[in-house]
Amino acid sequence: MVDPKTNSILDEGNRLFLQGKLKEAITYYDKILNDNPEHLSSLNNKGYALSKLKDFDNAIKCYDVALQIYPNDLSVLVNKISTIRKQGNFDKALSLCDKILQNHPKYNIALYHKERILFSMKKFDESVLCCDSILKDYPNNGDVLFDKSCSLVMLSKVDDSLELLERAITQGIQYKVKAKKSKSFEKLLGDSKFKKLVS
C-alpha cells in the first residue's frame, strides 16, 4: 500500500537532493524513516546523500539496514559498492561486484564499478576485460572508452589507448579535459598525437 503522504515527502526530499541540498534532503528521508524505518527508497536515498557528503560510515549503515530487509536490491548493492570503493576498500567492493555478477552477468552498472575497482588495484588487464564486456552492449559509452584507454596506457599500449581516447572524445568534449588532468596520461604529455587529441 503506497501512502500518498509518504510519497510527497519523498518527492520533496528527492527534489532537494537533485538541487544539491543534501542535508535538507536527509531531513525529509528521516521524516519517513521515523514512521517507517524499513522504507527502502528513503534508506537508499539517505545513504546516497550521506555518501555524497563523504559520511561513508553512516551511508553504509543505511545500506546495510536496507539490505537486511531487501538483500538482493541491486540499486542498494551498487550504491554500497560505490561507497566502499570511495573508502578505498577495493577487495570488499570487488567481492560485492562479483556477488551481483554471479546472478546478473550482464549487469553493466556492476561491471562498470568492477572495471574501476580493478583499475584502482592496478589490475589493468582485468579492467580492460570488464570494459570490453560493457562495450559489446554499449560501444559508444564515453566513460568506458575513456577508462579502457587509461588501462591500455598503463599497459604501455599507447597506440590502442589513443585510438580509444579519440573515440571517447567523439562522445563528449569533457574527455579532452579529463585526459589532460588524468595521471594515467602524464607520460604522454610530450606525445604529439596525444597533444593533438586534447588541444
C-alpha atoms as a PDB file:
ATOM      1  CA  MET A   1       0.000   0.000   0.000  1.00  0.00           C
ATOM      2  CA  VAL A   2       1.551   3.272  -1.152  1.00  0.00           C
ATOM      3  CA  ASP A   3       0.921   6.187   1.169  1.00  0.00           C
ATOM      4  CA  PRO A   4       0.423   9.470  -0.768  1.00  0.00           C
ATOM      5  CA  LYS A   5       1.764  11.480   2.189  1.00  0.00           C
ATOM      6  CA  THR A   6       4.967   9.419   2.267  1.00  0.00           C
ATOM      7  CA  ASN A   7       5.319   9.847  -1.498  1.00  0.00           C
ATOM      8  CA  SER A   8       5.045  13.608  -1.321  1.00  0.00           C
ATOM      9  CA  ILE A   9       7.678  13.761   1.482  1.00  0.00           C
ATOM     10  CA  LEU A  10       9.927  11.500  -0.585  1.00  0.00           C
ATOM     11  CA  ASP A  11       9.411  13.660  -3.694  1.00  0.00           C
ATOM     12  CA  GLU A  12      10.372  16.771  -1.730  1.00  0.00           C
ATOM     13  CA  GLY A  13      13.480  15.031  -0.365  1.00  0.00           C
ATOM     14  CA  ASN A  14      14.467  13.949  -3.871  1.00  0.00           C
ATOM     15  CA  ARG A  15      13.871  17.445  -5.249  1.00  0.00           C
ATOM     16  CA  LEU A  16      16.226  18.908  -2.622  1.00  0.00           C
ATOM     17  CA  PHE A  17      18.734  16.132  -3.324  1.00  0.00           C
ATOM     18  CA  LEU A  18      18.782  16.983  -7.033  1.00  0.00           C
ATOM     19  CA  GLN A  19      19.352  20.648  -6.153  1.00  0.00           C
ATOM     20  CA  GLY A  20      22.411  19.582  -4.160  1.00  0.00           C
ATOM     21  CA  LYS A  21      20.751  20.430  -0.831  1.00  0.00           C
ATOM     22  CA  LEU A  22      21.801  17.110   0.640  1.00  0.00           C
ATOM     23  CA  LYS A  23      21.454  17.856   4.356  1.00  0.00           C
ATOM     24  CA  GLU A  24      17.940  19.246   3.824  1.00  0.00           C
ATOM     25  CA  ALA A  25      17.053  16.191   1.726  1.00  0.00           C
ATOM     26  CA  ILE A  26      18.180  13.888   4.551  1.00  0.00           C
ATOM     27  CA  THR A  27      15.728  15.584   6.960  1.00  0.00           C
ATOM     28  CA  TYR A  28      12.890  14.554   4.625  1.00  0.00           C
ATOM     29  CA  TYR A  29      14.139  10.964   4.347  1.00  0.00           C
ATOM     30  CA  ASP A  30      14.372  10.890   8.152  1.00  0.00           C
ATOM     31  CA  LYS A  31      10.744  12.048   8.461  1.00  0.00           C
ATOM     32  CA  ILE A  32       9.700   8.937   6.538  1.00  0.00           C
ATOM     33  CA  LEU A  33      12.125   6.634   8.376  1.00  0.00           C
ATOM     34  CA  ASN A  34      10.847   7.834  11.763  1.00  0.00           C
ATOM     35  CA  ASP A  35       7.406   6.407  10.857  1.00  0.00           C
ATOM     36  CA  ASN A  36       8.619   3.563   8.665  1.00  0.00           C
ATOM     37  CA  PRO A  37      12.227   2.544   9.450  1.00  0.00           C
ATOM     38  CA  GLU A  38      12.166  -0.078   6.657  1.00  0.00           C
ATOM     39  CA  HIS A  39      11.228   2.318   3.818  1.00  0.00           C
ATOM     40  CA  LEU A  40      13.574   1.170   1.029  1.00  0.00           C
ATOM     41  CA  SER A  41      13.777   4.335  -1.100  1.00  0.00           C
ATOM     42  CA  SER A  42      14.352   6.546   1.936  1.00  0.00           C
ATOM     43  CA  LEU A  43      17.124   4.288   3.263  1.00  0.00           C
ATOM     44  CA  ASN A  44      18.775   4.098  -0.154  1.00  0.00           C
ATOM     45  CA  ASN A  45      18.480   7.817  -0.909  1.00  0.00           C
ATOM     46  CA  LYS A  46      19.630   8.821   2.570  1.00  0.00           C
ATOM     47  CA  GLY A  47      22.647   6.541   2.164  1.00  0.00           C
ATOM     48  CA  TYR A  48      23.403   8.093  -1.219  1.00  0.00           C
ATOM     49  CA  ALA A  49      23.129  11.630   0.179  1.00  0.00           C
ATOM     50  CA  LEU A  50      25.408  10.733   3.119  1.00  0.00           C
ATOM     51  CA  SER A  51      27.916   9.200   0.706  1.00  0.00           C
ATOM     52  CA  LYS A  52      27.949  12.415  -1.336  1.00  0.00           C
ATOM     53  CA  LEU A  53      28.611  14.275   1.927  1.00  0.00           C
ATOM     54  CA  LYS A  54      31.558  11.877   2.459  1.00  0.00           C
ATOM     55  CA  ASP A  55      29.908  10.429   5.585  1.00  0.00           C
ATOM     56  CA  PHE A  56      30.702   6.950   4.312  1.00  0.00           C
ATOM     57  CA  ASP A  57      30.240   5.004   7.570  1.00  0.00           C
ATOM     58  CA  ASN A  58      26.684   6.258   8.099  1.00  0.00           C
ATOM     59  CA  ALA A  59      25.894   5.775   4.405  1.00  0.00           C
ATOM     60  CA  ILE A  60      26.893   2.114   4.714  1.00  0.00           C
ATOM     61  CA  LYS A  61      24.728   1.779   7.849  1.00  0.00           C
ATOM     62  CA  CYS A  62      21.703   2.900   5.774  1.00  0.00           C
ATOM     63  CA  TYR A  63      22.522   0.439   3.004  1.00  0.00           C
ATOM     64  CA  ASP A  64      23.034  -2.397   5.487  1.00  0.00           C
ATOM     65  CA  VAL A  65      19.642  -1.777   7.122  1.00  0.00           C
ATOM     66  CA  ALA A  66      18.052  -1.820   3.659  1.00  0.00           C
ATOM     67  CA  LEU A  67      19.915  -4.996   2.652  1.00  0.00           C
ATOM     68  CA  GLN A  68      18.790  -6.838   5.796  1.00  0.00           C
ATOM     69  CA  ILE A  69      15.219  -6.364   4.577  1.00  0.00           C
ATOM     70  CA  TYR A  70      15.857  -6.491   0.803  1.00  0.00           C
ATOM     71  CA  PRO A  71      19.108  -8.496   0.454  1.00  0.00           C
ATOM     72  CA  ASN A  72      19.069  -8.569  -3.360  1.00  0.00           C
ATOM     73  CA  ASP A  73      18.131  -4.971  -4.139  1.00  0.00           C
ATOM     74  CA  LEU A  74      20.541  -4.075  -6.949  1.00  0.00           C
ATOM     75  CA  SER A  75      20.278  -0.310  -6.507  1.00  0.00           C
ATOM     76  CA  VAL A  76      21.256  -0.521  -2.828  1.00  0.00           C
ATOM     77  CA  LEU A  77      24.037  -3.036  -3.540  1.00  0.00           C
ATOM     78  CA  VAL A  78      25.510  -0.815  -6.251  1.00  0.00           C
ATOM     79  CA  ASN A  79      25.375   2.273  -4.014  1.00  0.00           C
ATOM     80  CA  LYS A  80      27.101   0.289  -1.263  1.00  0.00           C
ATOM     81  CA  ILE A  81      29.821  -0.803  -3.701  1.00  0.00           C
ATOM     82  CA  SER A  82      30.339   2.800  -4.782  1.00  0.00           C
ATOM     83  CA  THR A  83      30.691   3.966  -1.162  1.00  0.00           C
ATOM     84  CA  ILE A  84      33.077   1.160  -0.199  1.00  0.00           C
ATOM     85  CA  ARG A  85      35.147   1.937  -3.313  1.00  0.00           C
ATOM     86  CA  LYS A  86      35.363   5.607  -2.280  1.00  0.00           C
ATOM     87  CA  GLN A  87      36.660   4.435   1.111  1.00  0.00           C
ATOM     88  CA  GLY A  88      39.449   2.579  -0.706  1.00  0.00           C
ATOM     89  CA  ASN A  89      38.267  -0.850   0.448  1.00  0.00           C
ATOM     90  CA  PHE A  90      38.739  -2.363  -3.016  1.00  0.00           C
ATOM     91  CA  ASP A  91      38.731  -6.065  -2.056  1.00  0.00           C
ATOM     92  CA  LYS A  92      35.360  -5.793  -0.327  1.00  0.00           C
ATOM     93  CA  ALA A  93      33.894  -3.686  -3.152  1.00  0.00           C
ATOM     94  CA  LEU A  94      35.162  -6.195  -5.712  1.00  0.00           C
ATOM     95  CA  SER A  95      33.644  -9.170  -3.898  1.00  0.00           C
ATOM     96  CA  LEU A  96      30.257  -7.379  -3.815  1.00  0.00           C
ATOM     97  CA  CYS A  97      30.512  -6.736  -7.574  1.00  0.00           C
ATOM     98  CA  ASP A  98      31.259 -10.410  -8.160  1.00  0.00           C
ATOM     99  CA  LYS A  99      28.286 -11.391  -5.992  1.00  0.00           C
ATOM    100  CA  ILE A 100      25.960  -9.334  -8.219  1.00  0.00           C
ATOM    101  CA  LEU A 101      27.592 -10.545 -11.450  1.00  0.00           C
ATOM    102  CA  GLN A 102      27.187 -14.183 -10.401  1.00  0.00           C
ATOM    103  CA  ASN A 103      23.412 -13.790 -10.655  1.00  0.00           C
ATOM    104  CA  HIS A 104      23.353 -10.971 -13.246  1.00  0.00           C
ATOM    105  CA  PRO A 105      26.417 -11.454 -15.505  1.00  0.00           C
ATOM    106  CA  LYS A 106      25.271  -8.733 -17.927  1.00  0.00           C
ATOM    107  CA  TYR A 107      24.560  -6.123 -15.234  1.00  0.00           C
ATOM    108  CA  ASN A 108      26.648  -3.346 -16.717  1.00  0.00           C
ATOM    109  CA  ILE A 109      26.488  -0.991 -13.714  1.00  0.00           C
ATOM    110  CA  ALA A 110      28.204  -3.648 -11.579  1.00  0.00           C
ATOM    111  CA  LEU A 111      30.710  -4.270 -14.399  1.00  0.00           C
ATOM    112  CA  TYR A 112      31.388  -0.534 -14.581  1.00  0.00           C
ATOM    113  CA  HIS A 113      32.204  -0.387 -10.877  1.00  0.00           C
ATOM    114  CA  LYS A 114      34.273  -3.558 -11.218  1.00  0.00           C
ATOM    115  CA  GLU A 115      36.422  -2.151 -14.043  1.00  0.00           C
ATOM    116  CA  ARG A 116      37.112   0.987 -11.987  1.00  0.00           C
ATOM    117  CA  ILE A 117      37.949  -1.014  -8.858  1.00  0.00           C
ATOM    118  CA  LEU A 118      40.321  -3.249 -10.837  1.00  0.00           C
ATOM    119  CA  PHE A 119      41.979  -0.137 -12.281  1.00  0.00           C
ATOM    120  CA  SER A 120      42.479   1.217  -8.753  1.00  0.00           C
ATOM    121  CA  MET A 121      44.017  -2.140  -7.805  1.00  0.00           C
ATOM    122  CA  LYS A 122      46.377  -1.802 -10.806  1.00  0.00           C
ATOM    123  CA  LYS A 123      44.833  -4.913 -12.401  1.00  0.00           C
ATOM    124  CA  PHE A 124      44.728  -3.232 -15.795  1.00  0.00           C
ATOM    125  CA  ASP A 125      44.316  -6.382 -17.937  1.00  0.00           C
ATOM    126  CA  GLU A 126      41.257  -7.450 -15.935  1.00  0.00           C
ATOM    127  CA  SER A 127      39.846  -3.925 -16.042  1.00  0.00           C
ATOM    128  CA  VAL A 128      40.122  -3.974 -19.858  1.00  0.00           C
ATOM    129  CA  LEU A 129      38.142  -7.254 -19.978  1.00  0.00           C
ATOM    130  CA  CYS A 130      35.299  -5.666 -17.966  1.00  0.00           C
ATOM    131  CA  CYS A 131      35.336  -2.635 -20.275  1.00  0.00           C
ATOM    132  CA  ASP A 132      35.139  -4.945 -23.319  1.00  0.00           C
ATOM    133  CA  SER A 133      32.138  -6.700 -21.839  1.00  0.00           C
ATOM    134  CA  ILE A 134      30.268  -3.387 -21.421  1.00  0.00           C
ATOM    135  CA  LEU A 135      31.361  -2.073 -24.826  1.00  0.00           C
ATOM    136  CA  LYS A 136      29.795  -5.123 -26.518  1.00  0.00           C
ATOM    137  CA  ASP A 137      26.393  -3.738 -25.480  1.00  0.00           C
ATOM    138  CA  TYR A 138      27.306  -0.031 -25.460  1.00  0.00           C
ATOM    139  CA  PRO A 139      30.116   0.503 -27.988  1.00  0.00           C
ATOM    140  CA  ASN A 140      29.902   4.301 -27.697  1.00  0.00           C
ATOM    141  CA  ASN A 141      29.898   4.645 -23.900  1.00  0.00           C
ATOM    142  CA  GLY A 142      32.348   7.524 -23.450  1.00  0.00           C
ATOM    143  CA  ASP A 143      33.147   6.776 -19.790  1.00  0.00           C
ATOM    144  CA  VAL A 144      34.025   3.157 -20.522  1.00  0.00           C
ATOM    145  CA  LEU A 145      36.020   4.043 -23.656  1.00  0.00           C
ATOM    146  CA  PHE A 146      37.962   6.561 -21.559  1.00  0.00           C
ATOM    147  CA  ASP A 147      38.562   4.068 -18.733  1.00  0.00           C
ATOM    148  CA  LYS A 148      39.747   1.394 -21.158  1.00  0.00           C
ATOM    149  CA  SER A 149      42.052   3.960 -22.750  1.00  0.00           C
ATOM    150  CA  CYS A 150      43.537   4.699 -19.288  1.00  0.00           C
ATOM    151  CA  SER A 151      44.130   0.997 -18.627  1.00  0.00           C
ATOM    152  CA  LEU A 152      45.771   0.496 -22.025  1.00  0.00           C
ATOM    153  CA  VAL A 153      48.178   3.395 -21.498  1.00  0.00           C
ATOM    154  CA  MET A 154      49.127   1.874 -18.131  1.00  0.00           C
ATOM    155  CA  LEU A 155      49.844  -1.371 -20.045  1.00  0.00           C
ATOM    156  CA  SER A 156      52.060   0.671 -22.434  1.00  0.00           C
ATOM    157  CA  LYS A 157      49.676   0.018 -25.358  1.00  0.00           C
ATOM    158  CA  VAL A 158      49.881   3.655 -26.373  1.00  0.00           C
ATOM    159  CA  ASP A 159      48.520   3.452 -29.942  1.00  0.00           C
ATOM    160  CA  ASP A 160      45.468   1.429 -28.864  1.00  0.00           C
ATOM    161  CA  SER A 161      44.958   3.779 -25.931  1.00  0.00           C
ATOM    162  CA  LEU A 162      44.995   6.910 -28.079  1.00  0.00           C
ATOM    163  CA  GLU A 163      42.636   5.350 -30.612  1.00  0.00           C
ATOM    164  CA  LEU A 164      40.129   4.720 -27.793  1.00  0.00           C
ATOM    165  CA  LEU A 165      40.697   8.161 -26.307  1.00  0.00           C
ATOM    166  CA  GLU A 166      39.841   9.630 -29.694  1.00  0.00           C
ATOM    167  CA  ARG A 167      36.612   7.578 -29.765  1.00  0.00           C
ATOM    168  CA  ALA A 168      35.776   8.758 -26.226  1.00  0.00           C
ATOM    169  CA  ILE A 169      36.334  12.402 -27.240  1.00  0.00           C
ATOM    170  CA  THR A 170      33.892  11.979 -30.149  1.00  0.00           C
ATOM    171  CA  GLN A 171      31.288  11.091 -27.469  1.00  0.00           C
ATOM    172  CA  GLY A 172      31.931  14.278 -25.496  1.00  0.00           C
ATOM    173  CA  ILE A 173      34.390  17.144 -25.272  1.00  0.00           C
ATOM    174  CA  GLN A 174      34.707  16.560 -21.473  1.00  0.00           C
ATOM    175  CA  TYR A 175      37.062  13.622 -22.167  1.00  0.00           C
ATOM    176  CA  LYS A 176      39.690  16.040 -23.517  1.00  0.00           C
ATOM    177  CA  VAL A 177      39.680  17.825 -20.170  1.00  0.00           C
ATOM    178  CA  LYS A 178      39.695  14.535 -18.242  1.00  0.00           C
ATOM    179  CA  ALA A 179      42.654  13.262 -20.272  1.00  0.00           C
ATOM    180  CA  LYS A 180      44.660  16.427 -19.624  1.00  0.00           C
ATOM    181  CA  LYS A 181      44.069  16.084 -15.864  1.00  0.00           C
ATOM    182  CA  SER A 182      44.387  12.297 -15.634  1.00  0.00           C
ATOM    183  CA  LYS A 183      47.510  10.841 -14.019  1.00  0.00           C
ATOM    184  CA  SER A 184      47.238   7.915 -16.457  1.00  0.00           C
ATOM    185  CA  PHE A 185      48.225  10.136 -19.385  1.00  0.00           C
ATOM    186  CA  GLU A 186      51.037  12.052 -17.633  1.00  0.00           C
ATOM    187  CA  LYS A 187      53.716  10.143 -19.515  1.00  0.00           C
ATOM    188  CA  LEU A 188      52.107  11.127 -22.839  1.00  0.00           C
ATOM    189  CA  LEU A 189      52.143  14.883 -22.243  1.00  0.00           C
ATOM    190  CA  GLY A 190      55.010  15.193 -24.730  1.00  0.00           C
ATOM    191  CA  ASP A 191      53.442  12.816 -27.282  1.00  0.00           C
ATOM    192  CA  SER A 192      52.434  14.728 -30.428  1.00  0.00           C
ATOM    193  CA  LYS A 193      49.362  12.577 -31.140  1.00  0.00           C
ATOM    194  CA  PHE A 194      48.153  12.963 -27.555  1.00  0.00           C
ATOM    195  CA  LYS A 195      48.711  16.722 -27.637  1.00  0.00           C
ATOM    196  CA  LYS A 196      46.743  16.985 -30.856  1.00  0.00           C
ATOM    197  CA  LEU A 197      43.856  14.946 -29.397  1.00  0.00           C
ATOM    198  CA  VAL A 198      43.486  17.076 -26.270  1.00  0.00           C
ATOM    199  CA  SER A 199      44.217  20.506 -27.762  1.00  0.00           C
END
